[in-house]
Amino acid sequence: YFLFNSSVEARKNLLFLAQAYAESDLSKLGIQLCVTGKLKGDDYSKAVQNIVKNEPGILLTGYVDESTKLDLYLNALGLVSPSLVEGFGIPVLDSACLGMPTIASDCESHREIQAIKDFQKSVITLDTLKSRNWAAAMQAVAGLNSNLWEDAATERKRRIGRYEPLR
């Protein structure tokens, strides 16, 4: 699964991501889009719910506690963050610290994170003009991961090993 770990609001651009995920056809391969974050009663959340009805590969978890969030990060194929505007982008930073493949919007804060340490190796930034580019990036990450990380336990250990020295 790909992880979207954020609040559900228009600036986080989840509707765009859902479109890109649908275009990727990853659900046909059993690769889901896991969306954490509580839906609200607003029109944007209702639009997200309508898309999910037609796209069974999108899993809405609602709020998750920190322990569950850690498990989600350690086991995801990658993080996706198509935000239009970010104050800083903590989910992208968390993902980059773990060395997890991360597809993020090209907003300023994500580009700043990409420039830290060796994060350019795992963080790709894309504009949010064409969902097809995001679909292609998710397909590439899914293909890369299936070849390199056959043993999920080994990948979790690698991510934890990266995290500890960066604390």
N, C-alpha and C. Protein backbone atom coordinates (compact mmCIF):
# COMPACT_ATOMS: atom_id res chain seq x y z
N TYR A 1 0.83 -1.19 0.00
CA TYR A 1 0.00 0.00 0.00
C TYR A 1 0.87 1.25 0.00
N PHE A 2 0.28 2.31 -0.53
CA PHE A 2 0.87 3.64 -0.43
C PHE A 2 0.16 4.35 0.71
N LEU A 3 0.89 5.15 1.44
CA LEU A 3 0.36 5.82 2.61
C LEU A 3 0.16 7.31 2.34
N PHE A 4 -1.01 7.79 2.67
CA PHE A 4 -1.31 9.22 2.72
C PHE A 4 -1.63 9.51 4.17
N ASN A 5 -0.73 10.19 4.87
CA ASN A 5 -0.88 10.45 6.30
C ASN A 5 -1.03 11.94 6.51
N SER A 6 -2.29 12.37 6.60
CA SER A 6 -2.53 13.80 6.72
C SER A 6 -3.98 14.05 7.09
N SER A 7 -4.25 15.28 7.45
CA SER A 7 -5.64 15.66 7.64
C SER A 7 -6.34 15.67 6.29
N VAL A 8 -7.63 15.50 6.31
CA VAL A 8 -8.40 15.49 5.07
C VAL A 8 -9.01 16.88 4.91
N GLU A 9 -8.36 17.68 4.07
CA GLU A 9 -8.84 19.02 3.75
C GLU A 9 -8.35 19.38 2.36
N ALA A 10 -8.96 20.37 1.76
CA ALA A 10 -8.71 20.67 0.35
C ALA A 10 -7.24 20.93 0.05
N ARG A 11 -6.51 21.63 0.90
CA ARG A 11 -5.12 21.97 0.60
C ARG A 11 -4.21 20.74 0.57
N LYS A 12 -4.66 19.64 1.14
CA LYS A 12 -3.87 18.40 1.13
C LYS A 12 -4.04 17.64 -0.20
N ASN A 13 -5.03 18.05 -1.00
CA ASN A 13 -5.16 17.59 -2.38
C ASN A 13 -5.45 16.09 -2.52
N LEU A 14 -6.21 15.55 -1.61
CA LEU A 14 -6.51 14.12 -1.64
C LEU A 14 -7.36 13.73 -2.85
N LEU A 15 -8.23 14.60 -3.31
CA LEU A 15 -9.03 14.28 -4.50
C LEU A 15 -8.12 14.08 -5.72
N PHE A 16 -7.11 14.92 -5.85
CA PHE A 16 -6.12 14.76 -6.93
C PHE A 16 -5.41 13.42 -6.79
N LEU A 17 -5.00 13.07 -5.57
CA LEU A 17 -4.30 11.81 -5.34
C LEU A 17 -5.19 10.62 -5.66
N ALA A 18 -6.44 10.69 -5.28
CA ALA A 18 -7.38 9.60 -5.59
C ALA A 18 -7.49 9.40 -7.10
N GLN A 19 -7.52 10.49 -7.85
CA GLN A 19 -7.55 10.40 -9.31
C GLN A 19 -6.28 9.73 -9.83
N ALA A 20 -5.13 10.16 -9.32
CA ALA A 20 -3.86 9.58 -9.76
C ALA A 20 -3.80 8.09 -9.41
N TYR A 21 -4.26 7.74 -8.23
CA TYR A 21 -4.27 6.33 -7.82
C TYR A 21 -5.16 5.52 -8.76
N ALA A 22 -6.34 6.04 -9.07
CA ALA A 22 -7.24 5.33 -9.99
C ALA A 22 -6.58 5.14 -11.36
N GLU A 23 -5.87 6.15 -11.84
CA GLU A 23 -5.19 6.06 -13.13
C GLU A 23 -4.03 5.07 -13.11
N SER A 24 -3.47 4.83 -11.94
CA SER A 24 -2.31 3.93 -11.83
C SER A 24 -2.67 2.46 -12.01
N ASP A 25 -3.93 2.10 -11.80
CA ASP A 25 -4.39 0.71 -11.86
C ASP A 25 -3.72 -0.18 -10.83
N LEU A 26 -3.14 0.40 -9.80
CA LEU A 26 -2.47 -0.39 -8.77
C LEU A 26 -3.45 -1.25 -7.97
N SER A 27 -4.70 -0.82 -7.89
CA SER A 27 -5.67 -1.63 -7.15
C SER A 27 -5.84 -3.00 -7.80
N LYS A 28 -5.65 -3.09 -9.11
CA LYS A 28 -5.75 -4.38 -9.81
C LYS A 28 -4.62 -5.32 -9.40
N LEU A 29 -3.54 -4.75 -8.87
CA LEU A 29 -2.41 -5.56 -8.39
C LEU A 29 -2.51 -5.81 -6.89
N GLY A 30 -3.59 -5.34 -6.26
CA GLY A 30 -3.76 -5.51 -4.82
C GLY A 30 -3.02 -4.47 -4.00
N ILE A 31 -2.54 -3.41 -4.64
CA ILE A 31 -1.83 -2.35 -3.93
C ILE A 31 -2.83 -1.25 -3.61
N GLN A 32 -3.03 -1.01 -2.32
CA GLN A 32 -4.03 -0.05 -1.87
C GLN A 32 -3.42 1.33 -1.63
N LEU A 33 -4.30 2.31 -1.51
CA LEU A 33 -3.96 3.64 -1.04
C LEU A 33 -4.57 3.76 0.34
N CYS A 34 -3.74 3.81 1.36
CA CYS A 34 -4.18 3.88 2.75
C CYS A 34 -4.21 5.34 3.17
N VAL A 35 -5.38 5.84 3.50
CA VAL A 35 -5.57 7.24 3.87
C VAL A 35 -5.86 7.33 5.36
N THR A 36 -4.91 7.89 6.10
CA THR A 36 -5.16 8.16 7.51
C THR A 36 -5.66 9.59 7.63
N GLY A 37 -6.33 9.88 8.67
CA GLY A 37 -6.87 11.22 8.86
C GLY A 37 -8.38 11.16 8.94
N LYS A 38 -8.91 11.93 9.84
CA LYS A 38 -10.34 11.92 10.09
C LYS A 38 -11.09 12.75 9.05
N LEU A 39 -12.11 12.14 8.48
CA LEU A 39 -12.99 12.87 7.58
C LEU A 39 -13.87 13.81 8.40
N LYS A 40 -14.19 14.93 7.80
CA LYS A 40 -15.06 15.91 8.46
C LYS A 40 -16.43 15.83 7.79
N GLY A 41 -17.33 16.61 8.23
CA GLY A 41 -18.66 16.64 7.63
C GLY A 41 -18.79 17.64 6.50
N ASP A 42 -17.68 18.15 6.00
CA ASP A 42 -17.71 19.19 4.96
C ASP A 42 -17.85 18.59 3.57
N ASP A 43 -18.01 19.47 2.58
CA ASP A 43 -18.19 19.05 1.20
C ASP A 43 -16.97 18.30 0.67
N TYR A 44 -15.78 18.72 1.08
CA TYR A 44 -14.57 18.06 0.60
C TYR A 44 -14.53 16.61 1.07
N SER A 45 -14.80 16.37 2.34
CA SER A 45 -14.81 15.00 2.86
C SER A 45 -15.90 14.16 2.20
N LYS A 46 -17.02 14.77 1.90
CA LYS A 46 -18.09 14.05 1.20
C LYS A 46 -17.65 13.66 -0.21
N ALA A 47 -16.92 14.55 -0.87
CA ALA A 47 -16.41 14.24 -2.20
C ALA A 47 -15.41 13.08 -2.14
N VAL A 48 -14.59 13.06 -1.11
CA VAL A 48 -13.64 11.95 -0.91
C VAL A 48 -14.41 10.65 -0.72
N GLN A 49 -15.43 10.66 0.12
CA GLN A 49 -16.24 9.46 0.35
C GLN A 49 -16.88 8.96 -0.95
N ASN A 50 -17.32 9.86 -1.80
CA ASN A 50 -17.93 9.46 -3.07
C ASN A 50 -16.92 8.79 -3.98
N ILE A 51 -15.70 9.28 -4.01
CA ILE A 51 -14.66 8.65 -4.83
C ILE A 51 -14.34 7.26 -4.30
N VAL A 52 -14.26 7.13 -2.99
CA VAL A 52 -13.92 5.85 -2.38
C VAL A 52 -14.98 4.78 -2.70
N LYS A 53 -16.22 5.19 -2.85
CA LYS A 53 -17.28 4.25 -3.22
C LYS A 53 -17.00 3.59 -4.56
N ASN A 54 -16.34 4.35 -5.45
CA ASN A 54 -16.06 3.86 -6.80
C ASN A 54 -14.64 3.32 -6.96
N GLU A 55 -13.82 3.47 -5.96
CA GLU A 55 -12.43 3.01 -6.03
C GLU A 55 -12.14 2.14 -4.81
N PRO A 56 -12.37 0.82 -4.91
CA PRO A 56 -12.26 -0.05 -3.75
C PRO A 56 -10.84 -0.18 -3.20
N GLY A 57 -9.83 0.25 -3.93
CA GLY A 57 -8.46 0.14 -3.45
C GLY A 57 -8.07 1.22 -2.46
N ILE A 58 -8.95 2.21 -2.25
CA ILE A 58 -8.66 3.28 -1.30
C ILE A 58 -9.25 2.90 0.05
N LEU A 59 -8.39 2.85 1.05
CA LEU A 59 -8.79 2.49 2.41
C LEU A 59 -8.75 3.73 3.29
N LEU A 60 -9.90 4.10 3.84
CA LEU A 60 -9.97 5.23 4.77
C LEU A 60 -9.91 4.68 6.19
N THR A 61 -8.84 4.99 6.91
CA THR A 61 -8.69 4.46 8.26
C THR A 61 -9.27 5.37 9.33
N GLY A 62 -9.46 6.64 9.00
CA GLY A 62 -9.80 7.61 10.04
C GLY A 62 -8.56 7.89 10.87
N TYR A 63 -8.76 8.42 12.04
CA TYR A 63 -7.63 8.73 12.93
C TYR A 63 -6.93 7.44 13.33
N VAL A 64 -5.60 7.46 13.38
CA VAL A 64 -4.83 6.32 13.87
C VAL A 64 -3.89 6.81 14.98
N ASP A 65 -3.67 5.97 15.98
CA ASP A 65 -2.77 6.33 17.06
C ASP A 65 -1.32 6.24 16.60
N GLU A 66 -0.40 6.72 17.42
CA GLU A 66 1.01 6.80 17.03
C GLU A 66 1.62 5.41 16.78
N SER A 67 1.23 4.41 17.55
CA SER A 67 1.75 3.06 17.35
C SER A 67 1.33 2.50 16.00
N THR A 68 0.07 2.68 15.66
CA THR A 68 -0.43 2.22 14.37
C THR A 68 0.24 2.99 13.24
N LYS A 69 0.41 4.30 13.43
CA LYS A 69 1.06 5.13 12.41
C LYS A 69 2.48 4.63 12.16
N LEU A 70 3.20 4.27 13.22
CA LEU A 70 4.56 3.73 13.07
C LEU A 70 4.53 2.46 12.21
N ASP A 71 3.61 1.56 12.50
CA ASP A 71 3.49 0.33 11.70
C ASP A 71 3.17 0.65 10.24
N LEU A 72 2.32 1.63 10.02
CA LEU A 72 1.97 2.01 8.65
C LEU A 72 3.19 2.52 7.90
N TYR A 73 4.00 3.36 8.55
CA TYR A 73 5.22 3.87 7.92
C TYR A 73 6.22 2.77 7.65
N LEU A 74 6.37 1.85 8.56
CA LEU A 74 7.38 0.81 8.42
C LEU A 74 7.02 -0.20 7.33
N ASN A 75 5.76 -0.32 7.00
CA ASN A 75 5.32 -1.35 6.07
C ASN A 75 4.83 -0.85 4.72
N ALA A 76 4.72 0.46 4.54
CA ALA A 76 4.20 1.02 3.29
C ALA A 76 5.22 0.88 2.16
N LEU A 77 4.74 0.78 0.95
CA LEU A 77 5.61 0.85 -0.22
C LEU A 77 6.21 2.24 -0.33
N GLY A 78 5.40 3.24 -0.01
CA GLY A 78 5.86 4.61 -0.08
C GLY A 78 4.81 5.56 0.46
N LEU A 79 5.23 6.79 0.65
CA LEU A 79 4.35 7.86 1.12
C LEU A 79 4.01 8.75 -0.07
N VAL A 80 2.77 9.23 -0.12
CA VAL A 80 2.35 10.19 -1.14
C VAL A 80 1.78 11.42 -0.44
N SER A 81 2.24 12.58 -0.88
CA SER A 81 1.81 13.84 -0.26
C SER A 81 1.67 14.92 -1.34
N PRO A 82 0.48 15.03 -1.94
CA PRO A 82 0.29 16.00 -3.02
C PRO A 82 -0.18 17.38 -2.54
N SER A 83 0.16 17.77 -1.34
CA SER A 83 -0.32 19.03 -0.77
C SER A 83 -0.03 20.22 -1.67
N LEU A 84 -0.99 21.11 -1.72
CA LEU A 84 -0.82 22.35 -2.48
C LEU A 84 -0.01 23.36 -1.67
N VAL A 85 -0.21 23.36 -0.37
CA VAL A 85 0.48 24.27 0.55
C VAL A 85 0.82 23.50 1.81
N GLU A 86 2.03 23.69 2.31
CA GLU A 86 2.45 23.05 3.56
C GLU A 86 3.19 24.06 4.42
N GLY A 87 2.98 23.97 5.73
CA GLY A 87 3.79 24.76 6.65
C GLY A 87 5.19 24.18 6.69
N PHE A 88 5.29 22.86 6.84
CA PHE A 88 6.59 22.20 6.77
C PHE A 88 6.51 20.85 6.08
N GLY A 89 5.58 20.02 6.44
CA GLY A 89 5.46 18.71 5.79
C GLY A 89 6.03 17.58 6.62
N ILE A 90 5.59 17.46 7.85
CA ILE A 90 6.10 16.44 8.77
C ILE A 90 5.98 15.02 8.21
N PRO A 91 4.86 14.62 7.59
CA PRO A 91 4.82 13.26 7.04
C PRO A 91 5.93 12.99 6.02
N VAL A 92 6.24 13.98 5.19
CA VAL A 92 7.32 13.81 4.21
C VAL A 92 8.66 13.71 4.93
N LEU A 93 8.87 14.51 5.95
CA LEU A 93 10.11 14.42 6.73
C LEU A 93 10.23 13.05 7.40
N ASP A 94 9.15 12.58 8.02
CA ASP A 94 9.18 11.26 8.66
C ASP A 94 9.56 10.18 7.66
N SER A 95 8.93 10.22 6.50
CA SER A 95 9.18 9.23 5.46
C SER A 95 10.63 9.31 4.97
N ALA A 96 11.11 10.52 4.74
CA ALA A 96 12.49 10.71 4.26
C ALA A 96 13.50 10.21 5.29
N CYS A 97 13.23 10.44 6.56
CA CYS A 97 14.14 9.97 7.62
C CYS A 97 14.25 8.44 7.60
N LEU A 98 13.17 7.78 7.23
CA LEU A 98 13.18 6.32 7.15
C LEU A 98 13.76 5.81 5.84
N GLY A 99 14.00 6.72 4.90
CA GLY A 99 14.49 6.30 3.59
C GLY A 99 13.41 5.65 2.75
N MET A 100 12.16 5.95 3.08
CA MET A 100 11.03 5.37 2.35
C MET A 100 10.78 6.15 1.07
N PRO A 101 10.53 5.49 -0.03
CA PRO A 101 10.18 6.23 -1.24
C PRO A 101 9.01 7.17 -0.97
N THR A 102 9.19 8.42 -1.39
CA THR A 102 8.21 9.46 -1.11
C THR A 102 7.95 10.26 -2.37
N ILE A 103 6.68 10.35 -2.72
CA ILE A 103 6.25 11.17 -3.84
C ILE A 103 5.52 12.35 -3.23
N ALA A 104 6.07 13.55 -3.42
CA ALA A 104 5.53 14.74 -2.77
C ALA A 104 5.33 15.85 -3.80
N SER A 105 4.42 16.74 -3.49
CA SER A 105 4.24 17.90 -4.36
C SER A 105 5.50 18.74 -4.33
N ASP A 106 5.62 19.58 -5.33
CA ASP A 106 6.82 20.41 -5.41
C ASP A 106 6.68 21.74 -4.67
N CYS A 107 5.86 21.76 -3.63
CA CYS A 107 5.74 22.98 -2.83
C CYS A 107 7.09 23.24 -2.13
N GLU A 108 7.29 24.45 -1.70
CA GLU A 108 8.58 24.87 -1.16
C GLU A 108 9.04 24.00 0.02
N SER A 109 8.14 23.71 0.94
CA SER A 109 8.56 22.95 2.12
C SER A 109 9.01 21.54 1.76
N HIS A 110 8.36 20.91 0.80
CA HIS A 110 8.78 19.57 0.37
C HIS A 110 10.14 19.62 -0.32
N ARG A 111 10.38 20.64 -1.11
CA ARG A 111 11.70 20.79 -1.75
C ARG A 111 12.79 21.04 -0.71
N GLU A 112 12.46 21.77 0.36
CA GLU A 112 13.43 21.98 1.45
C GLU A 112 13.79 20.65 2.11
N ILE A 113 12.80 19.83 2.37
CA ILE A 113 13.04 18.51 2.98
C ILE A 113 13.89 17.66 2.04
N GLN A 114 13.58 17.69 0.77
CA GLN A 114 14.32 16.90 -0.22
C GLN A 114 15.80 17.26 -0.22
N ALA A 115 16.13 18.49 0.10
CA ALA A 115 17.52 18.97 0.07
C ALA A 115 18.32 18.61 1.34
N ILE A 116 17.67 18.06 2.35
CA ILE A 116 18.34 17.71 3.60
C ILE A 116 19.06 16.37 3.45
N LYS A 117 20.21 16.26 4.09
CA LYS A 117 20.98 15.01 4.18
C LYS A 117 21.03 14.31 2.82
N ASP A 118 20.60 13.05 2.77
CA ASP A 118 20.58 12.29 1.51
C ASP A 118 19.14 12.06 1.04
N PHE A 119 18.23 12.91 1.45
CA PHE A 119 16.81 12.67 1.20
C PHE A 119 16.43 12.72 -0.28
N GLN A 120 17.25 13.34 -1.12
CA GLN A 120 16.93 13.38 -2.54
C GLN A 120 16.93 11.98 -3.14
N LYS A 121 17.54 11.02 -2.43
CA LYS A 121 17.53 9.63 -2.91
C LYS A 121 16.16 8.98 -2.76
N SER A 122 15.37 9.46 -1.80
CA SER A 122 14.08 8.81 -1.56
C SER A 122 12.88 9.73 -1.81
N VAL A 123 13.10 11.04 -1.91
CA VAL A 123 11.98 11.97 -2.10
C VAL A 123 12.00 12.52 -3.52
N ILE A 124 10.92 12.28 -4.24
CA ILE A 124 10.74 12.87 -5.56
C ILE A 124 9.63 13.90 -5.44
N THR A 125 9.84 15.07 -6.01
CA THR A 125 8.80 16.09 -5.99
C THR A 125 8.26 16.26 -7.41
N LEU A 126 6.94 16.35 -7.48
CA LEU A 126 6.24 16.51 -8.76
C LEU A 126 5.24 17.65 -8.64
N ASP A 127 4.98 18.32 -9.76
CA ASP A 127 3.92 19.32 -9.72
C ASP A 127 2.58 18.60 -9.64
N THR A 128 1.57 19.33 -9.30
CA THR A 128 0.24 18.72 -9.15
C THR A 128 -0.67 19.15 -10.31
N LEU A 129 -0.09 19.26 -11.48
CA LEU A 129 -0.87 19.64 -12.66
C LEU A 129 -1.41 18.43 -13.41
N LYS A 130 -0.66 17.32 -13.39
CA LYS A 130 -1.07 16.14 -14.15
C LYS A 130 -1.08 14.91 -13.24
N SER A 131 -2.27 14.40 -13.01
CA SER A 131 -2.40 13.20 -12.16
C SER A 131 -1.69 12.01 -12.80
N ARG A 132 -1.60 11.99 -14.11
CA ARG A 132 -0.94 10.86 -14.79
C ARG A 132 0.53 10.75 -14.38
N ASN A 133 1.20 11.86 -14.15
CA ASN A 133 2.59 11.82 -13.69
C ASN A 133 2.70 11.17 -12.32
N TRP A 134 1.75 11.46 -11.46
CA TRP A 134 1.73 10.84 -10.13
C TRP A 134 1.42 9.35 -10.25
N ALA A 135 0.50 9.00 -11.13
CA ALA A 135 0.18 7.58 -11.35
C ALA A 135 1.43 6.83 -11.81
N ALA A 136 2.16 7.41 -12.74
CA ALA A 136 3.39 6.78 -13.24
C ALA A 136 4.44 6.65 -12.15
N ALA A 137 4.55 7.66 -11.31
CA ALA A 137 5.52 7.60 -10.20
C ALA A 137 5.15 6.50 -9.21
N MET A 138 3.87 6.37 -8.89
CA MET A 138 3.44 5.29 -7.99
C MET A 138 3.70 3.93 -8.62
N GLN A 139 3.45 3.80 -9.90
CA GLN A 139 3.73 2.53 -10.59
C GLN A 139 5.22 2.21 -10.52
N ALA A 140 6.06 3.21 -10.72
CA ALA A 140 7.51 2.99 -10.68
C ALA A 140 7.96 2.56 -9.29
N VAL A 141 7.45 3.22 -8.26
CA VAL A 141 7.82 2.84 -6.90
C VAL A 141 7.33 1.43 -6.59
N ALA A 142 6.13 1.10 -7.00
CA ALA A 142 5.59 -0.25 -6.75
C ALA A 142 6.44 -1.30 -7.44
N GLY A 143 6.88 -1.04 -8.65
CA GLY A 143 7.74 -1.98 -9.36
C GLY A 143 9.10 -2.10 -8.73
N LEU A 144 9.66 -0.99 -8.32
CA LEU A 144 10.97 -0.97 -7.66
C LEU A 144 10.92 -1.76 -6.38
N ASN A 145 9.89 -1.52 -5.60
CA ASN A 145 9.81 -2.19 -4.31
C ASN A 145 9.60 -3.69 -4.45
N SER A 146 8.84 -4.11 -5.43
CA SER A 146 8.60 -5.54 -5.55
C SER A 146 9.89 -6.29 -5.87
N ASN A 147 10.85 -5.62 -6.52
CA ASN A 147 12.12 -6.28 -6.84
C ASN A 147 13.13 -6.21 -5.69
N LEU A 148 13.16 -5.10 -4.99
CA LEU A 148 14.21 -4.90 -3.99
C LEU A 148 13.85 -5.40 -2.60
N TRP A 149 12.59 -5.32 -2.24
CA TRP A 149 12.22 -5.57 -0.85
C TRP A 149 11.30 -6.78 -0.72
N GLU A 150 11.81 -7.92 -1.09
CA GLU A 150 10.99 -9.11 -1.02
C GLU A 150 10.72 -9.50 0.44
N ASP A 151 11.63 -9.16 1.33
CA ASP A 151 11.47 -9.52 2.73
C ASP A 151 11.07 -8.28 3.51
N ALA A 152 9.80 -8.20 3.89
CA ALA A 152 9.28 -7.02 4.58
C ALA A 152 9.98 -6.78 5.91
N ALA A 153 10.33 -7.83 6.63
CA ALA A 153 11.01 -7.66 7.92
C ALA A 153 12.37 -6.99 7.74
N THR A 154 13.09 -7.36 6.70
CA THR A 154 14.39 -6.75 6.42
C THR A 154 14.22 -5.27 6.11
N GLU A 155 13.19 -4.92 5.36
CA GLU A 155 12.95 -3.52 5.03
C GLU A 155 12.58 -2.73 6.28
N ARG A 156 11.77 -3.28 7.17
CA ARG A 156 11.44 -2.59 8.42
C ARG A 156 12.69 -2.33 9.24
N LYS A 157 13.59 -3.31 9.32
CA LYS A 157 14.84 -3.14 10.07
C LYS A 157 15.69 -2.04 9.45
N ARG A 158 15.73 -1.99 8.12
CA ARG A 158 16.50 -0.95 7.44
C ARG A 158 15.95 0.43 7.78
N ARG A 159 14.65 0.56 7.76
CA ARG A 159 14.03 1.86 8.06
C ARG A 159 14.28 2.26 9.51
N ILE A 160 14.15 1.33 10.43
CA ILE A 160 14.41 1.63 11.83
C ILE A 160 15.87 2.01 12.02
N GLY A 161 16.77 1.31 11.35
CA GLY A 161 18.20 1.61 11.43
C GLY A 161 18.51 3.02 10.95
N ARG A 162 17.80 3.49 9.95
CA ARG A 162 18.00 4.87 9.47
C ARG A 162 17.45 5.86 10.48
N TYR A 163 16.35 5.52 11.10
CA TYR A 163 15.69 6.45 12.01
C TYR A 163 16.55 6.73 13.23
N GLU A 164 17.08 5.70 13.84
CA GLU A 164 17.79 5.86 15.11
C GLU A 164 18.96 6.84 15.03
N PRO A 165 19.85 6.77 14.00
CA PRO A 165 20.95 7.73 13.95
C PRO A 165 20.51 9.18 13.69
N LEU A 166 19.34 9.37 13.13
CA LEU A 166 18.88 10.74 12.81
C LEU A 166 18.18 11.40 13.96
N ARG A 167 17.86 10.69 15.00
CA ARG A 167 17.11 11.29 16.12
C ARG A 167 17.88 12.37 16.79
